[in-house]
Structures are given as C-alpha cells and as structure tokens.
Amino acid sequence: MAVIVTVEIPGGTREQYEETIRALGATDWFPASGLLAHAAGPDGDGGWKVVDFWASEEEFLAFVERARPIVERAGISTMLPTVQQAVNVILR
C-alpha cells in the first residue's frame, strides 16, 4: 500500500539538502526502488521539509538505511519522519 512520508528537519538548510541530493545521485541505487514522487523546501520555521510518496513503508525504510550515512555526512542529525497510508496517489 502506498504511503505519504513527511520528514521535518529542524534547522536543516538548503545547502545540506542539495549536498544530500548530489551524493544520493552519485550512487547507483538512487532514485530508490519504490519512490514514486519527491518534493522538498523550507518549512517556514527555520528548517527543511521533505514530502515523498512511496510504494510501501518497507521500501521507504530500506531507503532510510541506505541513505543514513549520506544524510549524516551532510550534517543532518535530526529527522522527524511521519508515515501515513495514502488512499490515492496520482502522478502526472
């Protein structure tokens, strides 16, 4: 079942996000299996927010395990993810 994943990164910056995306893009496994859509931007509270749609929570968790060292190298130490079931995902 598809899920909506919202990740709040208190104190996260655009530079950290862009460094993370560059490093992920340099791997041979990104975009990760199960990732349907991704968006990110400042959250208005001095941090960063990511909203993803994944085919399943298991695929999201597998991605987190692979991505954790890359995220930590970018200086991101706190991420607050929430996962909720998606009733519908429409991709254009």
N, C-alpha and C. Protein backbone atom coordinates (compact mmCIF):
# COMPACT_ATOMS: atom_id res chain seq x y z
N MET A 1 0.84 -1.18 0.00
CA MET A 1 0.00 0.00 0.00
C MET A 1 0.89 1.24 0.00
N ALA A 2 0.58 2.20 -0.85
CA ALA A 2 1.36 3.43 -0.94
C ALA A 2 1.26 4.23 0.35
N VAL A 3 2.34 4.97 0.63
CA VAL A 3 2.38 5.80 1.83
C VAL A 3 2.88 7.20 1.49
N ILE A 4 2.45 8.14 2.32
CA ILE A 4 2.93 9.51 2.27
C ILE A 4 3.92 9.65 3.41
N VAL A 5 5.13 10.10 3.09
CA VAL A 5 6.16 10.28 4.11
C VAL A 5 6.49 11.77 4.18
N THR A 6 6.32 12.35 5.36
CA THR A 6 6.69 13.74 5.60
C THR A 6 7.85 13.73 6.57
N VAL A 7 8.95 14.37 6.18
CA VAL A 7 10.14 14.40 7.04
C VAL A 7 10.44 15.86 7.37
N GLU A 8 10.38 16.18 8.65
CA GLU A 8 10.75 17.50 9.12
C GLU A 8 12.20 17.45 9.59
N ILE A 9 12.98 18.45 9.17
CA ILE A 9 14.40 18.51 9.52
C ILE A 9 14.63 19.84 10.21
N PRO A 10 14.49 19.88 11.55
CA PRO A 10 14.68 21.13 12.28
C PRO A 10 16.10 21.67 12.06
N GLY A 11 16.19 22.93 11.68
CA GLY A 11 17.50 23.54 11.45
C GLY A 11 18.14 23.15 10.14
N GLY A 12 17.48 22.30 9.35
CA GLY A 12 18.04 21.88 8.07
C GLY A 12 18.11 23.04 7.10
N THR A 13 19.09 22.99 6.21
CA THR A 13 19.30 24.07 5.26
C THR A 13 19.20 23.57 3.82
N ARG A 14 19.03 24.51 2.93
CA ARG A 14 19.01 24.17 1.51
C ARG A 14 20.34 23.57 1.09
N GLU A 15 21.43 24.10 1.63
CA GLU A 15 22.76 23.58 1.29
C GLU A 15 22.90 22.12 1.70
N GLN A 16 22.44 21.78 2.91
CA GLN A 16 22.50 20.39 3.36
C GLN A 16 21.65 19.50 2.46
N TYR A 17 20.46 19.98 2.12
CA TYR A 17 19.58 19.21 1.24
C TYR A 17 20.24 18.97 -0.11
N GLU A 18 20.77 20.04 -0.72
CA GLU A 18 21.38 19.91 -2.04
C GLU A 18 22.61 19.01 -2.01
N GLU A 19 23.40 19.09 -0.94
CA GLU A 19 24.55 18.20 -0.79
C GLU A 19 24.09 16.74 -0.71
N THR A 20 23.02 16.51 0.04
CA THR A 20 22.49 15.15 0.18
C THR A 20 21.98 14.62 -1.17
N ILE A 21 21.24 15.44 -1.90
CA ILE A 21 20.71 15.01 -3.19
C ILE A 21 21.84 14.73 -4.18
N ARG A 22 22.88 15.57 -4.18
CA ARG A 22 24.04 15.31 -5.06
C ARG A 22 24.69 13.98 -4.73
N ALA A 23 24.89 13.72 -3.44
CA ALA A 23 25.54 12.47 -3.02
C ALA A 23 24.66 11.26 -3.33
N LEU A 24 23.36 11.38 -3.11
CA LEU A 24 22.46 10.28 -3.45
C LEU A 24 22.48 10.03 -4.95
N GLY A 25 22.48 11.10 -5.74
CA GLY A 25 22.51 10.97 -7.18
C GLY A 25 23.76 10.31 -7.71
N ALA A 26 24.83 10.33 -6.93
CA ALA A 26 26.09 9.71 -7.34
C ALA A 26 26.09 8.20 -7.08
N THR A 27 25.08 7.70 -6.38
CA THR A 27 25.00 6.26 -6.13
C THR A 27 24.34 5.57 -7.32
N ASP A 28 24.48 4.25 -7.36
CA ASP A 28 23.83 3.51 -8.44
C ASP A 28 22.44 3.02 -8.05
N TRP A 29 21.95 3.39 -6.87
CA TRP A 29 20.65 2.92 -6.40
C TRP A 29 19.64 4.05 -6.17
N PHE A 30 19.97 5.25 -6.59
CA PHE A 30 19.04 6.37 -6.42
C PHE A 30 18.63 6.89 -7.78
N PRO A 31 17.36 7.16 -8.03
CA PRO A 31 16.25 7.07 -7.10
C PRO A 31 15.99 5.63 -6.66
N ALA A 32 15.64 5.50 -5.41
CA ALA A 32 15.47 4.19 -4.79
C ALA A 32 14.20 3.51 -5.28
N SER A 33 14.25 2.20 -5.28
CA SER A 33 13.09 1.40 -5.63
C SER A 33 11.92 1.76 -4.71
N GLY A 34 10.77 2.01 -5.31
CA GLY A 34 9.58 2.32 -4.52
C GLY A 34 9.29 3.80 -4.39
N LEU A 35 10.25 4.67 -4.71
CA LEU A 35 10.00 6.11 -4.62
C LEU A 35 9.12 6.52 -5.80
N LEU A 36 7.97 7.09 -5.49
CA LEU A 36 7.02 7.50 -6.53
C LEU A 36 7.15 8.98 -6.86
N ALA A 37 7.34 9.81 -5.82
CA ALA A 37 7.45 11.26 -6.02
C ALA A 37 8.17 11.86 -4.83
N HIS A 38 8.82 13.00 -5.07
CA HIS A 38 9.62 13.66 -4.03
C HIS A 38 9.51 15.17 -4.20
N ALA A 39 9.36 15.87 -3.09
CA ALA A 39 9.39 17.34 -3.08
C ALA A 39 10.02 17.79 -1.78
N ALA A 40 10.70 18.93 -1.81
CA ALA A 40 11.35 19.45 -0.60
C ALA A 40 11.41 20.96 -0.66
N GLY A 41 11.46 21.57 0.52
CA GLY A 41 11.59 23.02 0.58
C GLY A 41 11.66 23.49 2.02
N PRO A 42 11.90 24.78 2.21
CA PRO A 42 11.96 25.32 3.57
C PRO A 42 10.60 25.19 4.24
N ASP A 43 10.62 24.95 5.55
CA ASP A 43 9.35 24.71 6.25
C ASP A 43 8.75 25.95 6.89
N GLY A 44 9.44 27.08 6.81
CA GLY A 44 8.91 28.30 7.40
C GLY A 44 9.28 28.50 8.86
N ASP A 45 9.82 27.48 9.49
CA ASP A 45 10.24 27.57 10.89
C ASP A 45 11.76 27.50 11.03
N GLY A 46 12.47 27.80 9.95
CA GLY A 46 13.93 27.75 10.00
C GLY A 46 14.50 26.37 9.78
N GLY A 47 13.73 25.49 9.19
CA GLY A 47 14.19 24.13 8.91
C GLY A 47 13.83 23.75 7.49
N TRP A 48 13.81 22.47 7.24
CA TRP A 48 13.57 21.94 5.90
C TRP A 48 12.52 20.84 6.00
N LYS A 49 11.73 20.67 4.95
CA LYS A 49 10.71 19.63 4.94
C LYS A 49 10.77 18.87 3.63
N VAL A 50 10.60 17.55 3.73
CA VAL A 50 10.56 16.67 2.57
C VAL A 50 9.22 15.95 2.60
N VAL A 51 8.57 15.88 1.45
CA VAL A 51 7.33 15.11 1.31
C VAL A 51 7.54 14.13 0.17
N ASP A 52 7.43 12.86 0.47
CA ASP A 52 7.62 11.79 -0.52
C ASP A 52 6.37 10.93 -0.58
N PHE A 53 6.21 10.30 -1.71
CA PHE A 53 5.22 9.23 -1.88
C PHE A 53 6.01 7.97 -2.21
N TRP A 54 5.78 6.92 -1.43
CA TRP A 54 6.47 5.64 -1.61
C TRP A 54 5.45 4.54 -1.89
N ALA A 55 5.87 3.53 -2.63
CA ALA A 55 5.00 2.40 -2.92
C ALA A 55 4.65 1.62 -1.66
N SER A 56 5.55 1.63 -0.67
CA SER A 56 5.29 0.94 0.60
C SER A 56 6.18 1.51 1.69
N GLU A 57 5.76 1.32 2.92
CA GLU A 57 6.57 1.75 4.06
C GLU A 57 7.88 0.96 4.11
N GLU A 58 7.84 -0.31 3.75
CA GLU A 58 9.04 -1.14 3.77
C GLU A 58 10.11 -0.60 2.83
N GLU A 59 9.68 -0.15 1.63
CA GLU A 59 10.65 0.40 0.69
C GLU A 59 11.23 1.72 1.20
N PHE A 60 10.40 2.52 1.85
CA PHE A 60 10.92 3.76 2.47
C PHE A 60 11.95 3.43 3.54
N LEU A 61 11.65 2.47 4.41
CA LEU A 61 12.58 2.12 5.49
C LEU A 61 13.88 1.54 4.95
N ALA A 62 13.80 0.78 3.87
CA ALA A 62 15.03 0.24 3.24
C ALA A 62 15.87 1.39 2.70
N PHE A 63 15.22 2.39 2.11
CA PHE A 63 15.93 3.57 1.62
C PHE A 63 16.62 4.31 2.77
N VAL A 64 15.92 4.48 3.87
CA VAL A 64 16.49 5.19 5.02
C VAL A 64 17.78 4.53 5.48
N GLU A 65 17.80 3.22 5.54
CA GLU A 65 19.00 2.51 5.97
C GLU A 65 20.17 2.77 5.03
N ARG A 66 19.92 2.78 3.74
CA ARG A 66 20.99 3.02 2.76
C ARG A 66 21.43 4.49 2.78
N ALA A 67 20.47 5.39 2.96
CA ALA A 67 20.75 6.82 2.85
C ALA A 67 21.32 7.43 4.13
N ARG A 68 21.14 6.78 5.26
CA ARG A 68 21.54 7.36 6.55
C ARG A 68 22.98 7.88 6.57
N PRO A 69 23.98 7.14 6.11
CA PRO A 69 25.35 7.68 6.15
C PRO A 69 25.53 8.93 5.29
N ILE A 70 24.84 8.99 4.17
CA ILE A 70 24.93 10.16 3.29
C ILE A 70 24.31 11.37 3.97
N VAL A 71 23.16 11.18 4.57
CA VAL A 71 22.46 12.27 5.26
C VAL A 71 23.32 12.78 6.43
N GLU A 72 23.90 11.87 7.18
CA GLU A 72 24.72 12.26 8.32
C GLU A 72 25.97 13.02 7.86
N ARG A 73 26.58 12.62 6.74
CA ARG A 73 27.75 13.33 6.21
C ARG A 73 27.41 14.76 5.82
N ALA A 74 26.17 15.00 5.46
CA ALA A 74 25.73 16.36 5.11
C ALA A 74 25.47 17.20 6.34
N GLY A 75 25.60 16.61 7.53
CA GLY A 75 25.42 17.35 8.77
C GLY A 75 24.00 17.35 9.29
N ILE A 76 23.16 16.49 8.74
CA ILE A 76 21.78 16.40 9.22
C ILE A 76 21.73 15.32 10.28
N SER A 77 21.43 15.74 11.51
CA SER A 77 21.43 14.78 12.61
C SER A 77 20.02 14.47 13.12
N THR A 78 19.07 15.36 12.88
CA THR A 78 17.71 15.14 13.36
C THR A 78 16.74 15.16 12.20
N MET A 79 16.02 14.06 12.05
CA MET A 79 14.95 13.98 11.06
C MET A 79 13.73 13.40 11.76
N LEU A 80 12.60 14.02 11.54
CA LEU A 80 11.36 13.59 12.18
C LEU A 80 10.37 13.13 11.13
N PRO A 81 10.42 11.84 10.76
CA PRO A 81 9.51 11.35 9.72
C PRO A 81 8.16 10.94 10.29
N THR A 82 7.13 11.17 9.49
CA THR A 82 5.81 10.60 9.76
C THR A 82 5.39 9.85 8.50
N VAL A 83 4.75 8.72 8.72
CA VAL A 83 4.31 7.87 7.62
C VAL A 83 2.81 7.66 7.78
N GLN A 84 2.10 7.90 6.69
CA GLN A 84 0.66 7.65 6.73
C GLN A 84 0.25 6.95 5.44
N GLN A 85 -0.78 6.16 5.54
CA GLN A 85 -1.29 5.43 4.39
C GLN A 85 -1.86 6.42 3.37
N ALA A 86 -1.57 6.19 2.11
CA ALA A 86 -2.12 7.00 1.03
C ALA A 86 -3.35 6.27 0.46
N VAL A 87 -4.45 6.95 0.39
CA VAL A 87 -5.63 6.37 -0.19
C VAL A 87 -5.52 6.40 -1.72
N ASN A 88 -4.84 7.44 -2.23
CA ASN A 88 -4.72 7.59 -3.67
C ASN A 88 -3.48 8.43 -3.96
N VAL A 89 -2.75 8.06 -5.00
CA VAL A 89 -1.61 8.85 -5.48
C VAL A 89 -1.80 8.99 -6.99
N ILE A 90 -1.85 10.23 -7.46
CA ILE A 90 -1.99 10.48 -8.88
C ILE A 90 -0.70 11.13 -9.36
N LEU A 91 -0.04 10.49 -10.30
CA LEU A 91 1.18 11.03 -10.88
C LEU A 91 0.88 11.48 -12.30
N ARG A 92 1.40 12.59 -12.65
CA ARG A 92 1.13 13.13 -13.98
C ARG A 92 2.32 13.05 -14.85
